[in-house]
Amino acid sequence: MNVSTAALLGFDEAPPPPVVPLGFLGIDPGLQGFVFFMSPSGYETFPVPTISLGRGKRRYDLPAVRNLTLSFRGRVSLTLIERQQAMPQNGVLGNFMTGYGYGLWEMALTAAGISYQSIRPQAWKKAMGVSPPPSTDKRKAKDLTAKERRDRSKQRRKVAKALAVSAAQHLFPGVDLRRSERCRVLDDNKCEAALLAELARRLHAGR
């Protein structure tokens, strides 16, 4: 029979530390994005921390992003963060902020020692069954005007967001998916973060 060193020395053995069930984190990293944490004990949702600059403009609240990320240390099995990419319709400033915010979250997760994977929007939407159907307009992109390309892209994003909202409602019927209590409609960014967290759970489980 094995006898521990503590028992041989006459010390009482400390009880083993409690096993804390780990959860899964989904991050939609944009300025209007959300952080969605799911674990066996429930769900936690947080809007991406920002500071108002007035006139409808906002910037990331760096200390708040850091503190929020650190609050998940030791609680997460896997995080999925949506990989951001430049889009012509976003303009120079919009694309700069997109890349800035994505890098900010990657740095915050790395500094906190939280395991994460980045995933392209097309990949996670396909995995969760919320990809928009092919366009009924069979013309190739090169045959469209710039405005027509923008309109097509905008319509596809709108359809994808509606599908994400519907899927999140089905998967999380007891979760308030509005941006705030004052809102009447569900927030598509919050729904997308929820789907990312669910996909993280499925990937971790090997599904």
N, C-alpha and C. Protein backbone atom coordinates (compact mmCIF):
# COMPACT_ATOMS: atom_id res chain seq x y z
N MET A 1 0.86 -1.20 0.00
CA MET A 1 0.00 0.00 0.00
C MET A 1 0.88 1.24 0.00
N ASN A 2 0.59 2.12 -0.83
CA ASN A 2 1.37 3.35 -0.91
C ASN A 2 1.02 4.27 0.25
N VAL A 3 2.04 4.83 0.85
CA VAL A 3 1.86 5.77 1.95
C VAL A 3 2.47 7.09 1.54
N SER A 4 1.73 8.16 1.68
CA SER A 4 2.23 9.46 1.25
C SER A 4 3.31 9.96 2.18
N THR A 5 4.14 10.86 1.67
CA THR A 5 5.20 11.47 2.49
C THR A 5 4.61 12.23 3.65
N ALA A 6 3.50 12.90 3.42
CA ALA A 6 2.87 13.67 4.49
C ALA A 6 2.43 12.77 5.63
N ALA A 7 1.89 11.60 5.29
CA ALA A 7 1.45 10.67 6.34
C ALA A 7 2.63 10.14 7.12
N LEU A 8 3.75 9.83 6.44
CA LEU A 8 4.93 9.33 7.12
C LEU A 8 5.50 10.35 8.10
N LEU A 9 5.39 11.61 7.74
CA LEU A 9 5.92 12.67 8.61
C LEU A 9 4.92 13.10 9.68
N GLY A 10 3.75 12.51 9.66
CA GLY A 10 2.76 12.81 10.69
C GLY A 10 1.93 14.04 10.44
N PHE A 11 1.92 14.54 9.18
CA PHE A 11 1.10 15.71 8.84
C PHE A 11 -0.24 15.26 8.30
N ASP A 12 -1.25 16.06 8.57
CA ASP A 12 -2.53 15.82 7.94
C ASP A 12 -2.44 16.23 6.46
N GLU A 13 -2.95 15.37 5.61
CA GLU A 13 -2.91 15.69 4.19
C GLU A 13 -3.99 16.72 3.84
N ALA A 14 -3.61 17.68 3.06
CA ALA A 14 -4.59 18.68 2.62
C ALA A 14 -5.55 18.04 1.63
N PRO A 15 -6.82 18.40 1.70
CA PRO A 15 -7.77 17.85 0.73
C PRO A 15 -7.41 18.31 -0.67
N PRO A 16 -7.72 17.51 -1.67
CA PRO A 16 -7.40 17.93 -3.05
C PRO A 16 -8.18 19.17 -3.41
N PRO A 17 -7.59 20.03 -4.25
CA PRO A 17 -8.32 21.25 -4.64
C PRO A 17 -9.58 20.89 -5.40
N PRO A 18 -10.63 21.70 -5.24
CA PRO A 18 -11.87 21.40 -5.95
C PRO A 18 -11.67 21.47 -7.45
N VAL A 19 -12.35 20.60 -8.16
CA VAL A 19 -12.29 20.61 -9.62
C VAL A 19 -13.31 21.62 -10.14
N VAL A 20 -12.81 22.65 -10.79
CA VAL A 20 -13.70 23.68 -11.32
C VAL A 20 -14.02 23.36 -12.77
N PRO A 21 -15.30 23.13 -13.09
CA PRO A 21 -15.65 22.85 -14.49
C PRO A 21 -15.30 24.05 -15.36
N LEU A 22 -14.59 23.79 -16.43
CA LEU A 22 -14.19 24.87 -17.32
C LEU A 22 -15.26 25.14 -18.36
N GLY A 23 -15.27 26.37 -18.84
CA GLY A 23 -16.27 26.76 -19.82
C GLY A 23 -15.66 27.11 -21.15
N PHE A 24 -16.46 27.76 -21.99
CA PHE A 24 -16.05 28.08 -23.35
C PHE A 24 -16.42 29.52 -23.66
N LEU A 25 -15.52 30.18 -24.37
CA LEU A 25 -15.65 31.61 -24.60
C LEU A 25 -15.76 31.88 -26.10
N GLY A 26 -16.73 32.72 -26.47
CA GLY A 26 -16.88 33.17 -27.85
C GLY A 26 -16.73 34.68 -27.89
N ILE A 27 -15.90 35.18 -28.79
CA ILE A 27 -15.65 36.62 -28.86
C ILE A 27 -15.90 37.15 -30.27
N ASP A 28 -16.85 38.06 -30.37
CA ASP A 28 -17.05 38.87 -31.57
C ASP A 28 -16.32 40.18 -31.27
N PRO A 29 -15.12 40.41 -31.83
CA PRO A 29 -14.22 41.44 -31.29
C PRO A 29 -14.46 42.88 -31.73
N GLY A 30 -15.48 43.14 -32.52
CA GLY A 30 -15.70 44.50 -33.02
C GLY A 30 -16.14 45.47 -31.93
N LEU A 31 -16.18 46.74 -32.29
CA LEU A 31 -16.60 47.77 -31.33
C LEU A 31 -18.03 47.55 -30.86
N GLN A 32 -18.86 46.93 -31.70
CA GLN A 32 -20.23 46.60 -31.32
C GLN A 32 -20.35 45.13 -30.90
N GLY A 33 -19.21 44.48 -30.73
CA GLY A 33 -19.20 43.05 -30.46
C GLY A 33 -19.57 42.66 -29.04
N PHE A 34 -19.50 41.34 -28.81
CA PHE A 34 -19.86 40.79 -27.52
C PHE A 34 -18.91 39.67 -27.12
N VAL A 35 -18.86 39.42 -25.84
CA VAL A 35 -18.14 38.27 -25.28
C VAL A 35 -19.19 37.38 -24.62
N PHE A 36 -19.17 36.10 -24.96
CA PHE A 36 -20.17 35.15 -24.45
C PHE A 36 -19.44 34.00 -23.79
N PHE A 37 -19.70 33.79 -22.50
CA PHE A 37 -19.06 32.71 -21.75
C PHE A 37 -20.11 31.71 -21.32
N MET A 38 -19.89 30.44 -21.66
CA MET A 38 -20.82 29.39 -21.26
C MET A 38 -20.05 28.33 -20.45
N SER A 39 -20.67 27.90 -19.36
CA SER A 39 -20.06 26.89 -18.50
C SER A 39 -21.18 26.07 -17.88
N PRO A 40 -20.84 24.96 -17.21
CA PRO A 40 -21.89 24.15 -16.57
C PRO A 40 -22.72 24.92 -15.56
N SER A 41 -22.18 26.04 -15.06
CA SER A 41 -22.93 26.80 -14.05
C SER A 41 -23.81 27.89 -14.66
N GLY A 42 -23.72 28.09 -15.97
CA GLY A 42 -24.58 29.10 -16.58
C GLY A 42 -23.88 29.89 -17.67
N TYR A 43 -24.45 31.06 -17.96
CA TYR A 43 -23.95 31.89 -19.05
C TYR A 43 -23.63 33.29 -18.54
N GLU A 44 -22.61 33.89 -19.12
CA GLU A 44 -22.25 35.27 -18.82
C GLU A 44 -22.03 35.98 -20.15
N THR A 45 -22.58 37.18 -20.28
CA THR A 45 -22.42 37.94 -21.52
C THR A 45 -21.94 39.35 -21.19
N PHE A 46 -21.08 39.87 -22.06
CA PHE A 46 -20.50 41.20 -21.84
C PHE A 46 -20.35 41.90 -23.18
N PRO A 47 -20.80 43.14 -23.29
CA PRO A 47 -20.48 43.90 -24.50
C PRO A 47 -18.99 44.21 -24.51
N VAL A 48 -18.41 44.29 -25.69
CA VAL A 48 -17.01 44.67 -25.78
C VAL A 48 -16.84 46.04 -25.11
N PRO A 49 -15.91 46.15 -24.15
CA PRO A 49 -15.75 47.42 -23.43
C PRO A 49 -15.27 48.55 -24.34
N THR A 50 -16.02 49.63 -24.35
CA THR A 50 -15.66 50.79 -25.17
C THR A 50 -15.90 52.07 -24.38
N ILE A 51 -15.34 53.14 -24.90
CA ILE A 51 -15.51 54.47 -24.32
C ILE A 51 -16.09 55.38 -25.41
N SER A 52 -17.09 56.16 -25.05
CA SER A 52 -17.71 57.07 -26.01
C SER A 52 -16.80 58.27 -26.27
N LEU A 53 -16.68 58.62 -27.54
CA LEU A 53 -15.92 59.80 -27.93
C LEU A 53 -16.84 60.94 -28.35
N GLY A 54 -18.16 60.70 -28.24
CA GLY A 54 -19.12 61.70 -28.67
C GLY A 54 -19.46 61.55 -30.15
N ARG A 55 -20.60 62.09 -30.53
CA ARG A 55 -21.06 62.05 -31.93
C ARG A 55 -21.14 60.62 -32.46
N GLY A 56 -21.48 59.69 -31.59
CA GLY A 56 -21.66 58.31 -32.02
C GLY A 56 -20.39 57.52 -32.21
N LYS A 57 -19.24 58.13 -31.94
CA LYS A 57 -17.97 57.44 -32.11
C LYS A 57 -17.52 56.81 -30.79
N ARG A 58 -16.84 55.66 -30.90
CA ARG A 58 -16.36 54.96 -29.72
C ARG A 58 -14.96 54.43 -29.97
N ARG A 59 -14.25 54.13 -28.90
CA ARG A 59 -12.96 53.45 -29.00
C ARG A 59 -12.91 52.37 -27.92
N TYR A 60 -11.98 51.44 -28.07
CA TYR A 60 -11.85 50.36 -27.10
C TYR A 60 -11.37 50.91 -25.76
N ASP A 61 -11.95 50.38 -24.69
CA ASP A 61 -11.52 50.72 -23.33
C ASP A 61 -10.44 49.70 -22.95
N LEU A 62 -9.18 50.06 -23.11
CA LEU A 62 -8.09 49.11 -22.96
C LEU A 62 -8.02 48.48 -21.57
N PRO A 63 -8.06 49.27 -20.48
CA PRO A 63 -8.01 48.64 -19.15
C PRO A 63 -9.20 47.71 -18.91
N ALA A 64 -10.38 48.08 -19.41
CA ALA A 64 -11.56 47.23 -19.22
C ALA A 64 -11.45 45.94 -20.01
N VAL A 65 -10.89 46.01 -21.22
CA VAL A 65 -10.67 44.79 -22.00
C VAL A 65 -9.71 43.87 -21.26
N ARG A 66 -8.64 44.45 -20.73
CA ARG A 66 -7.67 43.66 -19.97
C ARG A 66 -8.33 43.01 -18.76
N ASN A 67 -9.08 43.78 -17.98
CA ASN A 67 -9.69 43.24 -16.77
C ASN A 67 -10.74 42.17 -17.08
N LEU A 68 -11.51 42.40 -18.13
CA LEU A 68 -12.51 41.41 -18.51
C LEU A 68 -11.83 40.10 -18.91
N THR A 69 -10.78 40.19 -19.70
CA THR A 69 -10.07 38.99 -20.13
C THR A 69 -9.46 38.27 -18.95
N LEU A 70 -8.85 38.99 -18.04
CA LEU A 70 -8.23 38.37 -16.87
C LEU A 70 -9.26 37.66 -15.99
N SER A 71 -10.51 38.12 -16.03
CA SER A 71 -11.54 37.51 -15.19
C SER A 71 -11.85 36.08 -15.63
N PHE A 72 -11.42 35.72 -16.84
CA PHE A 72 -11.67 34.36 -17.34
C PHE A 72 -10.47 33.44 -17.14
N ARG A 73 -9.40 33.96 -16.57
CA ARG A 73 -8.20 33.14 -16.39
C ARG A 73 -8.51 31.93 -15.52
N GLY A 74 -8.12 30.75 -15.99
CA GLY A 74 -8.35 29.53 -15.23
C GLY A 74 -9.77 29.00 -15.33
N ARG A 75 -10.61 29.62 -16.17
CA ARG A 75 -12.02 29.22 -16.26
C ARG A 75 -12.40 28.71 -17.64
N VAL A 76 -11.47 28.75 -18.59
CA VAL A 76 -11.81 28.50 -19.99
C VAL A 76 -11.03 27.32 -20.55
N SER A 77 -11.76 26.40 -21.17
CA SER A 77 -11.10 25.30 -21.89
C SER A 77 -10.66 25.74 -23.28
N LEU A 78 -11.49 26.51 -23.95
CA LEU A 78 -11.17 26.97 -25.30
C LEU A 78 -11.95 28.24 -25.62
N THR A 79 -11.27 29.14 -26.29
CA THR A 79 -11.89 30.38 -26.76
C THR A 79 -11.85 30.40 -28.28
N LEU A 80 -12.96 30.81 -28.88
CA LEU A 80 -12.97 31.07 -30.32
C LEU A 80 -13.20 32.56 -30.52
N ILE A 81 -12.33 33.17 -31.30
CA ILE A 81 -12.48 34.58 -31.64
C ILE A 81 -12.59 34.71 -33.15
N GLU A 82 -13.55 35.49 -33.59
CA GLU A 82 -13.74 35.65 -35.03
C GLU A 82 -12.58 36.43 -35.63
N ARG A 83 -11.93 35.82 -36.63
CA ARG A 83 -10.81 36.48 -37.31
C ARG A 83 -11.35 37.62 -38.16
N GLN A 84 -10.73 38.77 -38.03
CA GLN A 84 -11.17 39.94 -38.76
C GLN A 84 -10.35 40.13 -40.04
N GLN A 85 -10.95 40.76 -41.03
CA GLN A 85 -10.26 41.01 -42.28
C GLN A 85 -10.73 42.33 -42.87
N ALA A 86 -9.85 42.91 -43.67
CA ALA A 86 -10.19 44.19 -44.30
C ALA A 86 -11.27 43.99 -45.34
N MET A 87 -12.21 44.93 -45.38
CA MET A 87 -13.29 44.91 -46.36
C MET A 87 -13.31 46.26 -47.08
N PRO A 88 -13.37 46.26 -48.41
CA PRO A 88 -13.32 47.53 -49.15
C PRO A 88 -14.37 48.54 -48.71
N GLN A 89 -15.57 48.04 -48.37
CA GLN A 89 -16.66 48.95 -48.02
C GLN A 89 -16.47 49.61 -46.65
N ASN A 90 -15.50 49.12 -45.85
CA ASN A 90 -15.29 49.68 -44.52
C ASN A 90 -14.45 50.94 -44.54
N GLY A 91 -13.73 51.18 -45.61
CA GLY A 91 -12.88 52.35 -45.68
C GLY A 91 -11.58 52.16 -44.89
N VAL A 92 -10.67 53.11 -45.05
CA VAL A 92 -9.35 53.00 -44.42
C VAL A 92 -9.47 53.00 -42.90
N LEU A 93 -10.20 53.95 -42.34
CA LEU A 93 -10.32 54.06 -40.90
C LEU A 93 -11.04 52.85 -40.31
N GLY A 94 -12.10 52.42 -40.98
CA GLY A 94 -12.85 51.26 -40.49
C GLY A 94 -11.99 50.01 -40.47
N ASN A 95 -11.21 49.80 -41.52
CA ASN A 95 -10.34 48.63 -41.57
C ASN A 95 -9.22 48.72 -40.54
N PHE A 96 -8.73 49.93 -40.30
CA PHE A 96 -7.71 50.10 -39.26
C PHE A 96 -8.26 49.69 -37.90
N MET A 97 -9.47 50.16 -37.57
CA MET A 97 -10.06 49.84 -36.27
C MET A 97 -10.38 48.35 -36.16
N THR A 98 -10.78 47.74 -37.28
CA THR A 98 -11.06 46.30 -37.28
C THR A 98 -9.80 45.52 -36.91
N GLY A 99 -8.68 45.83 -37.58
CA GLY A 99 -7.43 45.15 -37.29
C GLY A 99 -6.91 45.47 -35.90
N TYR A 100 -7.08 46.72 -35.49
CA TYR A 100 -6.62 47.13 -34.17
C TYR A 100 -7.35 46.35 -33.08
N GLY A 101 -8.67 46.26 -33.19
CA GLY A 101 -9.45 45.57 -32.17
C GLY A 101 -9.15 44.08 -32.13
N TYR A 102 -8.98 43.47 -33.29
CA TYR A 102 -8.67 42.04 -33.34
C TYR A 102 -7.32 41.76 -32.68
N GLY A 103 -6.32 42.58 -33.00
CA GLY A 103 -5.00 42.41 -32.38
C GLY A 103 -5.05 42.65 -30.88
N LEU A 104 -5.87 43.60 -30.47
CA LEU A 104 -6.02 43.89 -29.04
C LEU A 104 -6.52 42.67 -28.28
N TRP A 105 -7.54 42.00 -28.82
CA TRP A 105 -8.08 40.82 -28.14
C TRP A 105 -7.08 39.67 -28.14
N GLU A 106 -6.36 39.49 -29.24
CA GLU A 106 -5.35 38.43 -29.28
C GLU A 106 -4.28 38.67 -28.21
N MET A 107 -3.85 39.91 -28.08
CA MET A 107 -2.84 40.23 -27.08
C MET A 107 -3.38 40.03 -25.67
N ALA A 108 -4.63 40.43 -25.43
CA ALA A 108 -5.22 40.29 -24.10
C ALA A 108 -5.34 38.81 -23.72
N LEU A 109 -5.79 37.98 -24.65
CA LEU A 109 -5.92 36.54 -24.38
C LEU A 109 -4.56 35.90 -24.15
N THR A 110 -3.57 36.29 -24.95
CA THR A 110 -2.23 35.74 -24.80
C THR A 110 -1.63 36.13 -23.45
N ALA A 111 -1.78 37.40 -23.08
CA ALA A 111 -1.24 37.88 -21.81
C ALA A 111 -1.90 37.19 -20.62
N ALA A 112 -3.18 36.86 -20.77
CA ALA A 112 -3.91 36.20 -19.67
C ALA A 112 -3.67 34.70 -19.65
N GLY A 113 -2.98 34.17 -20.65
CA GLY A 113 -2.72 32.74 -20.71
C GLY A 113 -3.95 31.92 -21.02
N ILE A 114 -4.85 32.49 -21.80
CA ILE A 114 -6.10 31.81 -22.15
C ILE A 114 -5.98 31.19 -23.55
N SER A 115 -6.22 29.90 -23.63
CA SER A 115 -6.13 29.20 -24.91
C SER A 115 -7.21 29.69 -25.86
N TYR A 116 -6.81 30.00 -27.10
CA TYR A 116 -7.79 30.47 -28.07
C TYR A 116 -7.42 30.03 -29.47
N GLN A 117 -8.42 30.05 -30.32
CA GLN A 117 -8.23 29.83 -31.75
C GLN A 117 -9.00 30.93 -32.48
N SER A 118 -8.40 31.45 -33.54
CA SER A 118 -9.13 32.40 -34.38
C SER A 118 -9.75 31.63 -35.54
N ILE A 119 -10.89 32.08 -35.98
CA ILE A 119 -11.61 31.34 -37.01
C ILE A 119 -12.27 32.34 -37.96
N ARG A 120 -12.16 32.07 -39.25
CA ARG A 120 -12.74 32.97 -40.25
C ARG A 120 -14.27 32.96 -40.15
N PRO A 121 -14.90 34.09 -40.44
CA PRO A 121 -16.36 34.14 -40.38
C PRO A 121 -17.03 33.07 -41.23
N GLN A 122 -16.50 32.86 -42.45
CA GLN A 122 -17.10 31.86 -43.33
C GLN A 122 -17.03 30.46 -42.72
N ALA A 123 -15.92 30.17 -42.04
CA ALA A 123 -15.72 28.83 -41.49
C ALA A 123 -16.67 28.55 -40.33
N TRP A 124 -16.79 29.49 -39.39
CA TRP A 124 -17.63 29.19 -38.23
C TRP A 124 -19.11 29.23 -38.62
N LYS A 125 -19.47 30.10 -39.56
CA LYS A 125 -20.87 30.16 -39.98
C LYS A 125 -21.28 28.88 -40.70
N LYS A 126 -20.37 28.33 -41.50
CA LYS A 126 -20.65 27.06 -42.16
C LYS A 126 -20.78 25.94 -41.13
N ALA A 127 -19.90 25.93 -40.15
CA ALA A 127 -19.93 24.89 -39.11
C ALA A 127 -21.20 24.94 -38.28
N MET A 128 -21.74 26.15 -38.08
CA MET A 128 -22.94 26.31 -37.27
C MET A 128 -24.20 26.39 -38.11
N GLY A 129 -24.08 26.21 -39.43
CA GLY A 129 -25.26 26.18 -40.28
C GLY A 129 -25.94 27.51 -40.48
N VAL A 130 -25.17 28.60 -40.43
CA VAL A 130 -25.78 29.93 -40.59
C VAL A 130 -25.17 30.69 -41.77
N SER A 131 -24.61 29.95 -42.72
CA SER A 131 -24.09 30.60 -43.94
C SER A 131 -25.26 31.04 -44.81
N PRO A 132 -25.18 32.23 -45.40
CA PRO A 132 -26.27 32.66 -46.29
C PRO A 132 -26.30 31.81 -47.55
N PRO A 133 -27.46 31.59 -48.12
CA PRO A 133 -27.55 30.79 -49.35
C PRO A 133 -26.89 31.53 -50.51
N PRO A 134 -26.52 30.81 -51.57
CA PRO A 134 -25.90 31.47 -52.74
C PRO A 134 -26.83 32.53 -53.32
N SER A 135 -26.24 33.55 -53.87
CA SER A 135 -27.02 34.63 -54.48
C SER A 135 -27.80 34.10 -55.69
N THR A 136 -29.00 34.60 -55.84
CA THR A 136 -29.80 34.22 -57.01
C THR A 136 -29.33 34.94 -58.26
N ASP A 137 -28.54 36.00 -58.06
CA ASP A 137 -27.95 36.72 -59.19
C ASP A 137 -26.71 35.96 -59.64
N LYS A 138 -26.74 35.34 -60.78
CA LYS A 138 -25.66 34.47 -61.25
C LYS A 138 -24.50 35.24 -61.87
N ARG A 139 -24.61 36.55 -61.97
CA ARG A 139 -23.51 37.32 -62.55
C ARG A 139 -22.28 37.24 -61.65
N LYS A 140 -21.11 37.19 -62.26
CA LYS A 140 -19.87 37.17 -61.49
C LYS A 140 -19.57 38.56 -60.95
N ALA A 141 -18.79 38.58 -59.87
CA ALA A 141 -18.50 39.86 -59.21
C ALA A 141 -17.87 40.86 -60.16
N LYS A 142 -17.02 40.37 -61.07
CA LYS A 142 -16.34 41.29 -62.00
C LYS A 142 -17.31 41.96 -62.97
N ASP A 143 -18.50 41.38 -63.10
CA ASP A 143 -19.49 41.94 -64.02
C ASP A 143 -20.43 42.93 -63.33
N LEU A 144 -20.25 43.11 -62.04
CA LEU A 144 -21.12 44.01 -61.28
C LEU A 144 -20.46 45.36 -61.10
N THR A 145 -21.29 46.39 -60.94
CA THR A 145 -20.75 47.70 -60.59
C THR A 145 -20.33 47.68 -59.13
N ALA A 146 -19.57 48.67 -58.73
CA ALA A 146 -19.12 48.75 -57.34
C ALA A 146 -20.31 48.79 -56.39
N LYS A 147 -21.33 49.56 -56.75
CA LYS A 147 -22.52 49.66 -55.90
C LYS A 147 -23.24 48.32 -55.81
N GLU A 148 -23.32 47.60 -56.94
CA GLU A 148 -23.99 46.29 -56.93
C GLU A 148 -23.23 45.29 -56.06
N ARG A 149 -21.90 45.35 -56.10
CA ARG A 149 -21.10 44.46 -55.25
C ARG A 149 -21.33 44.78 -53.79
N ARG A 150 -21.38 46.08 -53.45
CA ARG A 150 -21.63 46.48 -52.07
C ARG A 150 -23.01 46.03 -51.61
N ASP A 151 -23.99 46.21 -52.47
CA ASP A 151 -25.36 45.83 -52.13
C ASP A 151 -25.47 44.31 -51.94
N ARG A 152 -24.80 43.55 -52.80
CA ARG A 152 -24.85 42.09 -52.68
C ARG A 152 -24.20 41.65 -51.36
N SER A 153 -23.05 42.24 -51.06
CA SER A 153 -22.34 41.89 -49.83
C SER A 153 -23.17 42.27 -48.60
N LYS A 154 -23.79 43.45 -48.67
CA LYS A 154 -24.61 43.90 -47.54
C LYS A 154 -25.79 42.97 -47.32
N GLN A 155 -26.43 42.53 -48.40
CA GLN A 155 -27.58 41.64 -48.30
C GLN A 155 -27.18 40.28 -47.72
N ARG A 156 -26.02 39.77 -48.13
CA ARG A 156 -25.55 38.49 -47.62
C ARG A 156 -25.25 38.58 -46.13
N ARG A 157 -24.65 39.69 -45.70
CA ARG A 157 -24.37 39.87 -44.27
C ARG A 157 -25.67 39.94 -43.48
N LYS A 158 -26.66 40.63 -44.05
CA LYS A 158 -27.95 40.76 -43.37
C LYS A 158 -28.61 39.39 -43.20
N VAL A 159 -28.58 38.57 -44.24
CA VAL A 159 -29.16 37.23 -44.16
C VAL A 159 -28.40 36.38 -43.15
N ALA A 160 -27.06 36.46 -43.17
CA ALA A 160 -26.25 35.66 -42.25
C ALA A 160 -26.54 36.04 -40.80
N LYS A 161 -26.72 37.32 -40.54
CA LYS A 161 -27.00 37.76 -39.18
C LYS A 161 -28.38 37.28 -38.72
N ALA A 162 -29.35 37.31 -39.64
CA ALA A 162 -30.68 36.83 -39.29
C ALA A 162 -30.64 35.33 -38.98
N LEU A 163 -29.86 34.58 -39.73
CA LEU A 163 -29.72 33.14 -39.47
C LEU A 163 -29.03 32.90 -38.13
N ALA A 164 -28.04 33.73 -37.81
CA ALA A 164 -27.34 33.59 -36.53
C ALA A 164 -28.27 33.86 -35.36
N VAL A 165 -29.11 34.87 -35.49
CA VAL A 165 -30.07 35.19 -34.43
C VAL A 165 -31.03 34.02 -34.22
N SER A 166 -31.54 33.47 -35.31
CA SER A 166 -32.47 32.34 -35.22
C SER A 166 -31.81 31.13 -34.57
N ALA A 167 -30.57 30.84 -34.97
CA ALA A 167 -29.86 29.68 -34.41
C ALA A 167 -29.58 29.87 -32.92
N ALA A 168 -29.18 31.08 -32.54
CA ALA A 168 -28.89 31.34 -31.12
C ALA A 168 -30.16 31.25 -30.27
N GLN A 169 -31.27 31.71 -30.79
CA GLN A 169 -32.55 31.57 -30.08
C GLN A 169 -32.85 30.11 -29.80
N HIS A 170 -32.59 29.27 -30.79
CA HIS A 170 -32.88 27.84 -30.65
C HIS A 170 -31.94 27.17 -29.65
N LEU A 171 -30.66 27.54 -29.68
CA LEU A 171 -29.68 26.88 -28.83
C LEU A 171 -29.69 27.41 -27.39
N PHE A 172 -30.08 28.68 -27.23
CA PHE A 172 -30.04 29.31 -25.91
C PHE A 172 -31.39 29.95 -25.58
N PRO A 173 -32.43 29.13 -25.43
CA PRO A 173 -33.77 29.68 -25.22
C PRO A 173 -33.93 30.46 -23.91
N GLY A 174 -33.09 30.18 -22.94
CA GLY A 174 -33.25 30.87 -21.65
C GLY A 174 -32.34 32.07 -21.47
N VAL A 175 -31.60 32.43 -22.51
CA VAL A 175 -30.63 33.52 -22.41
C VAL A 175 -31.19 34.78 -23.07
N ASP A 176 -31.05 35.91 -22.38
CA ASP A 176 -31.47 37.19 -22.94
C ASP A 176 -30.45 37.61 -23.99
N LEU A 177 -30.83 37.58 -25.25
CA LEU A 177 -29.92 37.89 -26.34
C LEU A 177 -30.08 39.31 -26.86
N ARG A 178 -30.78 40.14 -26.09
CA ARG A 178 -30.85 41.55 -26.44
C ARG A 178 -29.55 42.25 -26.00
N ARG A 179 -29.28 43.39 -26.59
CA ARG A 179 -28.07 44.13 -26.20
C ARG A 179 -28.21 44.68 -24.79
N SER A 180 -29.41 45.10 -24.45
CA SER A 180 -29.70 45.59 -23.10
C SER A 180 -31.18 45.38 -22.83
N GLU A 181 -31.58 45.61 -21.60
CA GLU A 181 -32.98 45.43 -21.24
C GLU A 181 -33.90 46.41 -21.94
N ARG A 182 -33.35 47.52 -22.40
CA ARG A 182 -34.17 48.53 -23.09
C ARG A 182 -34.43 48.17 -24.55
N CYS A 183 -33.66 47.23 -25.08
CA CYS A 183 -33.81 46.87 -26.49
C CYS A 183 -34.98 45.91 -26.68
N ARG A 184 -35.64 46.05 -27.82
CA ARG A 184 -36.77 45.18 -28.14
C ARG A 184 -36.38 44.02 -29.05
N VAL A 185 -35.29 44.19 -29.78
CA VAL A 185 -34.88 43.15 -30.71
C VAL A 185 -33.60 42.48 -30.21
N LEU A 186 -33.35 41.28 -30.70
CA LEU A 186 -32.15 40.55 -30.32
C LEU A 186 -30.94 41.15 -31.03
N ASP A 187 -29.81 41.09 -30.37
CA ASP A 187 -28.59 41.67 -30.91
C ASP A 187 -27.81 40.62 -31.69
N ASP A 188 -27.60 40.87 -32.98
CA ASP A 188 -26.92 39.85 -33.80
C ASP A 188 -25.48 39.63 -33.38
N ASN A 189 -24.80 40.66 -32.85
CA ASN A 189 -23.43 40.48 -32.39
C ASN A 189 -23.37 39.56 -31.17
N LYS A 190 -24.33 39.73 -30.28
CA LYS A 190 -24.40 38.87 -29.10
C LYS A 190 -24.72 37.44 -29.50
N CYS A 191 -25.59 37.29 -30.47
CA CYS A 191 -25.95 35.95 -30.96
C CYS A 191 -24.75 35.27 -31.61
N GLU A 192 -23.97 36.03 -32.38
CA GLU A 192 -22.80 35.46 -33.03
C GLU A 192 -21.76 35.04 -31.99
N ALA A 193 -21.58 35.83 -30.95
CA ALA A 193 -20.64 35.45 -29.89
C ALA A 193 -21.10 34.16 -29.20
N ALA A 194 -22.42 34.02 -29.02
CA ALA A 194 -22.97 32.81 -28.42
C ALA A 194 -22.69 31.59 -29.28
N LEU A 195 -22.84 31.74 -30.60
CA LEU A 195 -22.59 30.63 -31.51
C LEU A 195 -21.10 30.26 -31.54
N LEU A 196 -20.24 31.25 -31.42
CA LEU A 196 -18.80 30.98 -31.35
C LEU A 196 -18.47 30.18 -30.09
N ALA A 197 -19.09 30.52 -28.96
CA ALA A 197 -18.86 29.77 -27.73
C ALA A 197 -19.36 28.34 -27.86
N GLU A 198 -20.51 28.17 -28.49
CA GLU A 198 -21.05 26.82 -28.69
C GLU A 198 -20.14 26.01 -29.61
N LEU A 199 -19.62 26.63 -30.64
CA LEU A 199 -18.71 25.91 -31.53
C LEU A 199 -17.42 25.54 -30.80
N ALA A 200 -16.94 26.41 -29.93
CA ALA A 200 -15.76 26.08 -29.11
C ALA A 200 -16.03 24.83 -28.27
N ARG A 201 -17.23 24.77 -27.70
CA ARG A 201 -17.60 23.58 -26.90
C ARG A 201 -17.60 22.33 -27.77
N ARG A 202 -18.15 22.43 -28.97
CA ARG A 202 -18.23 21.25 -29.84
C ARG A 202 -16.84 20.82 -30.30
N LEU A 203 -15.99 21.78 -30.62
CA LEU A 203 -14.64 21.44 -31.06
C LEU A 203 -13.86 20.76 -29.93
N HIS A 204 -14.03 21.28 -28.73
CA HIS A 204 -13.33 20.70 -27.58
C HIS A 204 -13.82 19.29 -27.31
N ALA A 205 -15.09 19.05 -27.55
CA ALA A 205 -15.67 17.72 -27.31
C ALA A 205 -15.38 16.78 -28.48
N GLY A 206 -14.77 17.30 -29.54
CA GLY A 206 -14.45 16.47 -30.70
C GLY A 206 -15.60 16.20 -31.61
N ARG A 207 -16.63 17.08 -31.59
CA ARG A 207 -17.80 16.88 -32.45
C ARG A 207 -17.55 17.44 -33.82
